Amino acid sequence: MQLVLIDSVLMKKFYSVLLILFISLNSFSQFKNIKLAEQDDKSYPPADPSIAINKRNPKNIVAVTGRNRVIITSDGGQAWTTTEIKSSFGVYGKPAVISNSKGHFFYFHLSDPGGKGRGIVCRNSIDDGATWGEEVSIGNNPPADQDKVWPAVHPKKNEVFVTWTQFDNESSEAGCQSNILFSKSGNGNRFSKPIHVNETSGDCLNDDNTAMGAMTAIGTDGKIYVTWANQEKIYLDRSYDDGNTWLSNDLIVTKQEGGWALNIPGIERCNGLPVLAIDNSMGRYHGTLYLLWADQRNGANDTDIWLMKSRSRGDMWSKPLRINKDEAGSHQFLPWIAVDQTNGSVYIIYYDRRDYDDLQTDVYLAYSFDGGNNFSEVKINETPFTPDASKFFGSHINIDAHADVITPIWTRMDNGQTSTWTSIIKESDLPKSQIKK
């Protein structure tokens, strides 16, 4: 009898230790966070990061951040090298990088030669990001300013497409317009004359009534889709002839309640601009368009992430699906989306404050294996951070996915200093709350 009593006490202690161990283990992130860049006294603060996986070699990944930092790994993220790219046109930030199916990288950034009007510069790399080709100027049209440039590649031809906003001049002058422009290139060495895409122009205040956030997606059939935000609406236009002609009337996909300019405490300037992606995999959801954005339709203290999808080339769309699964009353913001074109899996990264009553911020990854019908989500940062609204934080984060490798990239701010982080996540690392179909 005494022996049984002792065993019972020991078992209780044993289970108590196991419980404490379980709680301790789960208090740490299950994903290794990798610091790619941090703020110093020599370079522009790292922010507005972009990342691309080499579509021929997933161990080769290129990240860009700040105005001109290019950070490369060739071993799947074990070691990284950093270089600073110079430009005779000047480097004005807002970098973006993308890979085509040949594994060639295309790096875009804004320029401001002589301070007379911002333009766009593209450089390409055919050696895994080790060296970069000649600078190519796109859309330089002083005194007009070009802004918010983002690229896409044709899934079969490997042509490069780029869209952006052109401001007549960034001012409050009556009659000043913002418009969406489009250009294309066979190999990144020369771009076509920009084409005016939108029907409804915006103002030049860089606010809710400004045409902003142009994103391009190209199907395997060559059809091109472009979305952007303006005047509390998200628009879509499309071209079926390689971008030469577009619809005479912009299609309104949805209302963006409250507009795209968001007030998020602790962030100097935030947006809910739309992000567009397409499933070009050979899976059952081939051809699906995904439209992602953030808005405050539920109040200024409740920012949410929303997704709509279309399987009819943008003619019909699903009802908005709220991606974040928290209770009402917290902020989720600055989302980005990627589709793994080898299998159709959908991944979304965003900032999240559901666990705090102050400005502490986490980074979440949502994922879907059933064509965006259902999403699971998981926190991927190791520790929260607290931004300072008096310091520059940036206007977007980014994510790429290829061959079951997911590479989110984001900005942190600690003690007013920004840094750029990533995590190399394999699909098999994700909690199996969904069954892949």
Protein backbone atom coordinates (compact mmCIF):
# COMPACT_ATOMS: atom_id res chain seq x y z
CA MET A 1 0.00 0.00 0.00
CA GLN A 2 2.84 2.35 0.87
CA LEU A 3 4.58 1.51 -2.39
CA VAL A 4 1.48 2.39 -4.41
CA LEU A 5 1.22 5.76 -2.62
CA ILE A 6 4.85 6.60 -3.37
CA ASP A 7 4.41 5.68 -7.03
CA SER A 8 1.35 7.92 -7.25
CA VAL A 9 3.26 10.89 -5.84
CA LEU A 10 6.16 10.29 -8.19
CA MET A 11 3.87 10.06 -11.18
CA LYS A 12 2.23 13.39 -10.30
CA LYS A 13 5.64 15.04 -10.05
CA PHE A 14 6.67 13.42 -13.33
CA TYR A 15 3.62 14.75 -15.17
CA SER A 16 4.11 18.19 -13.60
CA VAL A 17 7.66 18.31 -14.97
CA LEU A 18 6.41 17.24 -18.38
CA LEU A 19 3.77 19.98 -18.36
CA ILE A 20 6.32 22.65 -17.42
CA LEU A 21 8.67 21.40 -20.13
CA PHE A 22 5.88 21.45 -22.71
CA ILE A 23 4.91 25.02 -21.82
CA SER A 24 8.55 26.13 -21.90
CA LEU A 25 9.18 24.59 -25.29
CA ASN A 26 6.08 26.17 -26.77
CA SER A 27 7.00 29.61 -25.47
CA PHE A 28 9.74 29.72 -28.09
CA SER A 29 9.19 30.09 -31.83
CA GLN A 30 9.38 26.85 -33.74
CA PHE A 31 10.93 28.70 -36.69
CA LYS A 32 14.50 29.97 -36.69
CA ASN A 33 14.60 33.73 -37.34
CA ILE A 34 17.54 34.95 -39.43
CA LYS A 35 18.71 38.56 -39.24
CA LEU A 36 19.66 39.75 -42.73
CA ALA A 37 20.35 43.45 -42.11
CA GLU A 38 20.39 45.93 -39.27
CA GLN A 39 20.50 49.69 -39.05
CA ASP A 40 23.89 51.35 -38.83
CA ASP A 41 25.42 54.80 -39.33
CA LYS A 42 26.61 54.09 -42.87
CA SER A 43 23.59 52.83 -44.79
CA TYR A 44 19.94 53.72 -45.26
CA PRO A 45 17.80 51.96 -42.61
CA PRO A 46 16.67 48.50 -43.77
CA ALA A 47 12.96 48.49 -44.63
CA ASP A 48 10.57 47.60 -47.47
CA PRO A 49 12.16 44.16 -47.95
CA SER A 50 11.59 41.82 -50.88
CA ILE A 51 12.71 38.22 -51.39
CA ALA A 52 12.85 35.73 -54.26
CA ILE A 53 13.69 32.03 -54.47
CA ASN A 54 15.65 30.88 -57.51
CA LYS A 55 13.09 28.87 -59.48
CA ARG A 56 15.83 26.56 -60.76
CA ASN A 57 17.63 26.15 -57.45
CA PRO A 58 15.57 26.72 -54.26
CA LYS A 59 18.72 26.87 -52.13
CA ASN A 60 19.65 30.11 -53.88
CA ILE A 61 17.63 33.00 -52.41
CA VAL A 62 18.03 36.75 -52.98
CA ALA A 63 16.70 39.39 -50.58
CA VAL A 64 16.76 43.17 -51.00
CA THR A 65 16.09 45.83 -48.37
CA GLY A 66 16.58 49.52 -47.68
CA ARG A 67 17.76 51.47 -50.66
CA ASN A 68 20.37 49.18 -52.16
CA ARG A 69 21.28 46.20 -49.93
CA VAL A 70 21.27 42.85 -51.76
CA ILE A 71 21.63 39.78 -49.55
CA ILE A 72 22.23 36.33 -51.04
CA THR A 73 22.40 32.72 -49.89
CA SER A 74 23.41 29.72 -51.99
CA ASP A 75 22.97 27.05 -49.34
CA GLY A 76 19.35 27.40 -48.30
CA GLY A 77 19.94 30.11 -45.72
CA GLN A 78 22.89 28.76 -43.74
CA ALA A 79 25.21 31.57 -44.87
CA TRP A 80 24.44 34.98 -46.40
CA THR A 81 26.52 37.62 -48.18
CA THR A 82 25.62 41.31 -48.46
CA THR A 83 26.51 43.81 -51.16
CA GLU A 84 25.38 47.38 -51.82
CA ILE A 85 24.35 48.05 -55.40
CA LYS A 86 25.27 51.43 -56.87
CA SER A 87 23.39 53.20 -59.66
CA SER A 88 24.36 56.06 -61.94
CA PHE A 89 20.68 57.03 -61.87
CA GLY A 90 20.72 57.21 -58.09
CA VAL A 91 19.09 54.83 -55.61
CA TYR A 92 15.88 56.00 -53.97
CA GLY A 93 14.68 52.80 -52.31
CA LYS A 94 11.44 50.75 -52.65
CA PRO A 95 13.34 47.67 -53.89
CA ALA A 96 11.72 44.57 -55.39
CA VAL A 97 13.25 41.32 -56.63
CA ILE A 98 11.81 38.41 -58.59
CA SER A 99 13.04 35.21 -60.28
CA ASN A 100 11.88 33.70 -63.54
CA SER A 101 11.73 29.99 -64.31
CA LYS A 102 15.28 30.03 -65.68
CA GLY A 103 16.57 31.17 -62.31
CA HIS A 104 17.41 34.68 -63.50
CA PHE A 105 16.80 37.47 -60.97
CA PHE A 106 15.41 40.93 -61.71
CA TYR A 107 16.02 43.71 -59.19
CA PHE A 108 14.00 46.94 -59.32
CA HIS A 109 14.34 50.16 -57.35
CA LEU A 110 13.38 53.81 -57.58
CA SER A 111 15.88 56.44 -58.67
CA ASP A 112 15.95 60.22 -58.55
CA PRO A 113 18.66 61.53 -60.88
CA GLY A 114 19.22 65.18 -60.15
CA GLY A 115 16.15 65.45 -57.95
CA LYS A 116 13.99 66.34 -60.96
CA GLY A 117 11.55 63.41 -60.83
CA ARG A 118 11.73 59.82 -59.60
CA GLY A 119 12.25 57.05 -62.13
CA ILE A 120 12.70 53.27 -62.00
CA VAL A 121 15.82 51.17 -62.54
CA CYS A 122 16.04 47.44 -63.36
CA ARG A 123 19.09 45.19 -63.26
CA ASN A 124 19.21 41.46 -63.85
CA SER A 125 21.46 38.64 -62.73
CA ILE A 126 22.04 35.36 -64.57
CA ASP A 127 24.56 33.99 -62.04
CA ASP A 128 22.45 33.48 -58.89
CA GLY A 129 22.74 37.11 -57.82
CA ALA A 130 26.54 37.16 -57.75
CA THR A 131 26.76 39.93 -60.36
CA TRP A 132 24.20 42.31 -61.85
CA GLY A 133 23.89 43.52 -65.43
CA GLU A 134 23.65 47.00 -66.90
CA GLU A 135 21.17 49.46 -65.44
CA VAL A 136 17.96 49.93 -67.41
CA SER A 137 15.86 53.03 -66.83
CA ILE A 138 12.07 52.65 -66.90
CA GLY A 139 9.44 55.36 -67.03
CA ASN A 140 11.71 58.31 -66.26
CA ASN A 141 9.45 61.26 -67.11
CA PRO A 142 10.43 64.41 -65.15
CA PRO A 143 8.93 66.29 -63.47
CA ALA A 144 6.53 63.36 -62.91
CA ASP A 145 7.38 60.97 -60.08
CA GLN A 146 7.21 57.18 -60.36
CA ASP A 147 6.38 55.19 -57.21
CA LYS A 148 5.41 51.78 -55.78
CA VAL A 149 6.89 49.66 -58.55
CA TRP A 150 6.28 45.88 -58.55
CA PRO A 151 7.32 43.21 -61.09
CA ALA A 152 5.93 39.91 -62.35
CA VAL A 153 7.22 37.34 -64.85
CA HIS A 154 5.44 35.41 -67.58
CA PRO A 155 5.27 31.76 -66.42
CA LYS A 156 6.22 30.37 -69.84
CA LYS A 157 7.96 33.08 -71.89
CA ASN A 158 9.94 34.48 -68.93
CA GLU A 159 9.11 38.00 -70.05
CA VAL A 160 9.18 40.63 -67.31
CA PHE A 161 6.20 42.89 -66.58
CA VAL A 162 6.14 45.84 -64.22
CA THR A 163 3.41 48.19 -62.94
CA TRP A 164 3.59 51.30 -60.80
CA THR A 165 2.01 54.68 -60.00
CA GLN A 166 2.97 57.87 -61.79
CA PHE A 167 2.31 61.19 -60.05
CA ASP A 168 2.11 64.30 -62.23
CA ASN A 169 3.99 65.75 -59.27
CA GLU A 170 3.47 64.71 -55.67
CA SER A 171 1.53 67.74 -54.46
CA SER A 172 -1.88 68.99 -53.40
CA GLU A 173 -2.37 71.03 -56.54
CA ALA A 174 -5.84 70.85 -58.05
CA GLY A 175 -5.87 68.73 -61.19
CA CYS A 176 -2.71 66.82 -60.27
CA GLN A 177 -3.26 63.16 -61.18
CA SER A 178 -1.93 59.75 -60.21
CA ASN A 179 -2.23 56.92 -62.73
CA ILE A 180 -1.27 53.27 -63.15
CA LEU A 181 1.40 52.51 -65.76
CA PHE A 182 2.57 49.23 -67.29
CA SER A 183 5.73 48.22 -69.14
CA LYS A 184 7.26 44.93 -70.30
CA SER A 185 10.58 43.45 -71.36
CA GLY A 186 11.70 40.25 -73.04
CA ASN A 187 14.79 39.84 -70.87
CA GLY A 188 15.06 42.88 -68.58
CA ASN A 189 17.52 44.68 -70.85
CA ARG A 190 15.01 47.01 -72.51
CA PHE A 191 11.48 47.96 -71.47
CA SER A 192 8.60 49.12 -73.63
CA LYS A 193 7.17 52.60 -73.55
CA PRO A 194 4.83 52.79 -70.50
CA ILE A 195 1.12 52.25 -71.18
CA HIS A 196 -1.57 54.04 -69.17
CA VAL A 197 -3.79 51.29 -67.70
CA ASN A 198 -6.46 52.85 -65.48
CA GLU A 199 -9.58 54.74 -66.49
CA THR A 200 -10.22 56.57 -63.19
CA SER A 201 -7.28 58.74 -62.10
CA GLY A 202 -6.46 59.55 -58.51
CA ASP A 203 -5.13 62.67 -56.85
CA CYS A 204 -1.50 63.27 -55.86
CA LEU A 205 -1.85 63.37 -52.07
CA ASN A 206 -0.55 59.79 -51.62
CA ASP A 207 -3.68 58.98 -49.63
CA ASP A 208 -7.00 57.16 -50.00
CA ASN A 209 -7.97 58.99 -53.20
CA THR A 210 -4.62 58.25 -54.89
CA ALA A 211 -4.33 55.42 -57.44
CA MET A 212 -1.77 53.21 -55.74
CA GLY A 213 -0.53 49.66 -55.22
CA ALA A 214 -0.54 48.30 -58.77
CA MET A 215 0.14 44.55 -58.88
CA THR A 216 0.40 42.25 -61.88
CA ALA A 217 -0.36 38.54 -62.29
CA ILE A 218 0.06 36.55 -65.53
CA GLY A 219 -1.61 33.24 -66.27
CA THR A 220 -0.06 30.37 -68.20
CA ASP A 221 -2.32 31.39 -71.09
CA GLY A 222 -0.58 34.78 -71.19
CA LYS A 223 -3.54 36.79 -69.93
CA ILE A 224 -2.41 39.71 -67.76
CA TYR A 225 -4.27 41.04 -64.71
CA VAL A 226 -3.55 44.25 -62.80
CA THR A 227 -5.15 45.44 -59.55
CA TRP A 228 -4.79 48.66 -57.54
CA ALA A 229 -6.62 50.79 -54.95
CA ASN A 230 -8.24 54.18 -55.38
CA GLN A 231 -11.09 56.11 -53.73
CA GLU A 232 -12.05 53.29 -51.32
CA LYS A 233 -12.30 50.72 -54.12
CA ILE A 234 -10.06 47.97 -55.46
CA TYR A 235 -9.95 47.92 -59.27
CA LEU A 236 -8.93 45.28 -61.80
CA ASP A 237 -7.94 45.64 -65.42
CA ARG A 238 -6.74 42.94 -67.81
CA SER A 239 -5.11 42.45 -71.16
CA TYR A 240 -5.43 39.47 -73.49
CA ASP A 241 -2.87 40.68 -76.04
CA ASP A 242 0.39 40.80 -74.09
CA GLY A 243 -0.35 44.17 -72.48
CA ASN A 244 -0.90 46.15 -75.67
CA THR A 245 -4.57 46.96 -75.01
CA TRP A 246 -6.68 47.00 -71.85
CA LEU A 247 -10.35 47.15 -70.92
CA SER A 248 -12.03 50.46 -71.69
CA ASN A 249 -13.66 50.40 -68.23
CA ASP A 250 -11.92 49.46 -64.99
CA LEU A 251 -13.64 46.61 -63.13
CA ILE A 252 -14.46 47.30 -59.48
CA VAL A 253 -13.71 44.11 -57.54
CA THR A 254 -14.74 45.31 -54.09
CA LYS A 255 -15.06 48.28 -51.81
CA GLN A 256 -12.15 48.93 -49.47
CA GLU A 257 -13.93 50.30 -46.44
CA GLY A 258 -12.11 53.34 -45.12
CA GLY A 259 -9.58 53.37 -47.96
CA TRP A 260 -6.06 52.05 -48.26
CA ALA A 261 -4.28 54.56 -45.97
CA LEU A 262 -4.47 53.05 -42.48
CA ASN A 263 -3.76 54.55 -39.07
CA ILE A 264 -1.89 51.89 -37.10
CA PRO A 265 -0.51 53.05 -33.72
CA GLY A 266 3.27 52.97 -33.67
CA ILE A 267 3.63 52.96 -37.46
CA GLU A 268 4.57 56.26 -39.08
CA ARG A 269 2.54 55.49 -42.20
CA CYS A 270 0.68 52.25 -42.97
CA ASN A 271 -1.37 50.96 -45.87
CA GLY A 272 -3.76 48.17 -46.78
CA LEU A 273 -2.89 48.15 -50.48
CA PRO A 274 -4.05 45.10 -52.45
CA VAL A 275 -1.72 42.28 -53.45
CA LEU A 276 -2.55 40.03 -56.41
CA ALA A 277 -1.38 36.46 -57.09
CA ILE A 278 -2.37 33.63 -59.44
CA ASP A 279 -2.10 29.85 -59.26
CA ASN A 280 -0.15 28.65 -62.29
CA SER A 281 0.51 25.19 -60.88
CA MET A 282 -0.86 22.06 -62.50
CA GLY A 283 -3.09 21.40 -59.47
CA ARG A 284 -6.86 21.44 -59.20
CA TYR A 285 -6.96 25.20 -58.45
CA HIS A 286 -5.01 26.18 -61.55
CA GLY A 287 -5.92 29.66 -62.80
CA THR A 288 -7.31 30.95 -59.49
CA LEU A 289 -6.70 34.65 -58.87
CA TYR A 290 -6.12 35.69 -55.24
CA LEU A 291 -6.66 39.27 -54.08
CA LEU A 292 -5.39 40.21 -50.62
CA TRP A 293 -5.68 43.48 -48.67
CA ALA A 294 -6.22 45.00 -45.21
CA ASP A 295 -8.88 47.47 -44.10
CA GLN A 296 -10.68 48.86 -41.07
CA ARG A 297 -14.30 48.14 -41.98
CA ASN A 298 -14.82 46.97 -38.40
CA GLY A 299 -13.47 50.16 -36.85
CA ALA A 300 -10.26 52.13 -36.46
CA ASN A 301 -9.15 49.82 -33.63
CA ASP A 302 -9.75 46.62 -35.59
CA THR A 303 -7.66 46.15 -38.73
CA ASP A 304 -8.19 42.84 -40.55
CA ILE A 305 -6.70 40.89 -43.46
CA TRP A 306 -9.11 39.93 -46.27
CA LEU A 307 -8.91 37.58 -49.25
CA MET A 308 -11.11 37.20 -52.32
CA LYS A 309 -10.57 34.75 -55.17
CA SER A 310 -11.75 34.36 -58.74
CA ARG A 311 -11.77 31.35 -61.02
CA SER A 312 -13.37 33.27 -63.89
CA ARG A 313 -10.52 35.58 -64.94
CA GLY A 314 -11.74 38.32 -62.63
CA ASP A 315 -15.36 38.41 -63.77
CA MET A 316 -16.76 36.93 -60.54
CA TRP A 317 -15.21 36.90 -57.07
CA SER A 318 -15.86 35.07 -53.82
CA LYS A 319 -17.03 36.92 -50.74
CA PRO A 320 -14.22 38.43 -48.64
CA LEU A 321 -12.69 35.88 -46.27
CA ARG A 322 -11.11 37.18 -43.05
CA ILE A 323 -7.69 35.52 -42.76
CA ASN A 324 -6.81 36.40 -39.15
CA LYS A 325 -8.80 34.23 -36.74
CA ASP A 326 -8.52 36.36 -33.60
CA GLU A 327 -11.33 38.03 -31.73
CA ALA A 328 -12.32 41.56 -32.75
CA GLY A 329 -10.39 44.57 -31.48
CA SER A 330 -6.75 44.15 -32.57
CA HIS A 331 -4.62 45.10 -35.56
CA GLN A 332 -3.41 42.85 -38.36
CA PHE A 333 -1.69 44.77 -41.15
CA LEU A 334 0.75 44.97 -44.10
CA PRO A 335 -0.11 41.57 -45.62
CA TRP A 336 1.54 39.88 -48.60
CA ILE A 337 0.71 36.68 -50.48
CA ALA A 338 2.62 34.04 -52.46
CA VAL A 339 1.51 30.93 -54.32
CA ASP A 340 3.88 27.98 -54.63
CA GLN A 341 3.64 27.35 -58.36
CA THR A 342 4.85 23.76 -57.99
CA ASN A 343 1.79 22.70 -55.99
CA GLY A 344 -0.70 25.59 -55.59
CA SER A 345 -0.23 26.09 -51.84
CA VAL A 346 -1.10 29.64 -50.71
CA TYR A 347 0.92 31.55 -48.08
CA ILE A 348 0.19 34.92 -46.45
CA ILE A 349 2.44 36.92 -44.12
CA TYR A 350 1.23 39.81 -41.92
CA TYR A 351 1.88 41.69 -38.69
CA ASP A 352 -0.37 40.84 -35.73
CA ARG A 353 -1.14 42.31 -32.27
CA ARG A 354 -3.80 39.90 -30.98
CA ASP A 355 -1.80 38.90 -27.89
CA TYR A 356 -1.09 42.39 -26.56
CA ASP A 357 -2.81 45.49 -25.23
CA ASP A 358 0.08 47.74 -26.26
CA LEU A 359 2.13 48.20 -29.46
CA GLN A 360 3.99 44.90 -29.27
CA THR A 361 3.83 43.21 -32.66
CA ASP A 362 4.23 39.65 -33.94
CA VAL A 363 4.59 38.19 -37.43
CA TYR A 364 2.09 35.55 -38.57
CA LEU A 365 2.01 33.11 -41.48
CA ALA A 366 -1.33 31.87 -42.79
CA TYR A 367 -1.45 28.95 -45.22
CA SER A 368 -3.98 27.08 -47.32
CA PHE A 369 -3.71 23.77 -49.17
CA ASP A 370 -7.23 23.82 -50.63
CA GLY A 371 -7.24 26.77 -52.97
CA GLY A 372 -7.85 29.41 -50.31
CA ASN A 373 -11.05 27.86 -48.97
CA ASN A 374 -9.55 27.31 -45.50
CA PHE A 375 -6.54 28.82 -43.79
CA SER A 376 -4.47 27.91 -40.77
CA GLU A 377 -2.15 30.45 -39.15
CA VAL A 378 0.97 30.31 -37.00
CA LYS A 379 3.24 32.88 -35.35
CA ILE A 380 6.70 32.79 -36.90
CA ASN A 381 8.73 35.43 -35.03
CA GLU A 382 10.75 34.41 -32.00
CA THR A 383 10.02 37.55 -29.97
CA PRO A 384 7.67 40.54 -30.44
CA PHE A 385 8.91 44.02 -31.27
CA THR A 386 7.56 47.50 -30.56
CA PRO A 387 7.68 50.10 -33.36
CA ASP A 388 8.12 53.85 -32.89
CA ALA A 389 5.92 56.11 -35.02
CA SER A 390 8.59 58.81 -35.06
CA LYS A 391 10.94 56.49 -36.99
CA PHE A 392 10.69 55.22 -40.58
CA PHE A 393 9.35 51.65 -40.64
CA GLY A 394 8.57 50.99 -44.32
CA SER A 395 5.42 50.30 -46.28
CA HIS A 396 5.47 46.57 -47.05
CA ILE A 397 6.84 43.15 -46.21
CA ASN A 398 7.07 40.20 -48.60
CA ILE A 399 7.04 36.42 -49.06
CA ASP A 400 7.99 33.87 -51.70
CA ALA A 401 7.32 30.14 -51.95
CA HIS A 402 8.65 27.46 -54.29
CA ALA A 403 9.02 23.67 -54.17
CA ASP A 404 7.68 23.46 -50.58
CA VAL A 405 10.10 26.16 -49.36
CA ILE A 406 8.53 29.32 -47.88
CA THR A 407 10.57 32.50 -47.33
CA PRO A 408 8.75 35.27 -45.45
CA ILE A 409 10.70 38.49 -44.97
CA TRP A 410 9.83 41.32 -42.61
CA THR A 411 11.01 44.43 -40.79
CA ARG A 412 11.47 44.68 -37.02
CA MET A 413 12.01 47.80 -35.00
CA ASP A 414 13.77 47.66 -31.64
CA ASN A 415 14.63 50.86 -29.73
CA GLY A 416 13.86 52.87 -32.84
CA GLN A 417 16.26 50.85 -35.03
CA THR A 418 15.01 48.77 -37.97
CA SER A 419 16.30 45.39 -39.07
CA THR A 420 15.33 42.89 -41.77
CA TRP A 421 14.57 39.24 -40.92
CA THR A 422 13.60 36.05 -42.67
CA SER A 423 12.91 32.42 -41.85
CA ILE A 424 13.45 29.47 -44.20
CA ILE A 425 10.37 27.33 -43.63
CA LYS A 426 9.57 24.01 -45.23
CA GLU A 427 5.98 22.98 -45.75
CA SER A 428 6.63 19.95 -43.54
CA ASP A 429 7.53 22.35 -40.67
CA LEU A 430 4.02 23.80 -40.52
CA PRO A 431 1.54 22.55 -37.93
CA LYS A 432 -0.66 19.96 -39.57
CA SER A 433 -3.98 21.55 -38.80
CA GLN A 434 -4.79 21.13 -42.46
CA ILE A 435 -4.61 18.03 -44.59
CA LYS A 436 -2.98 18.80 -47.91
CA LYS A 437 -5.20 17.90 -50.85
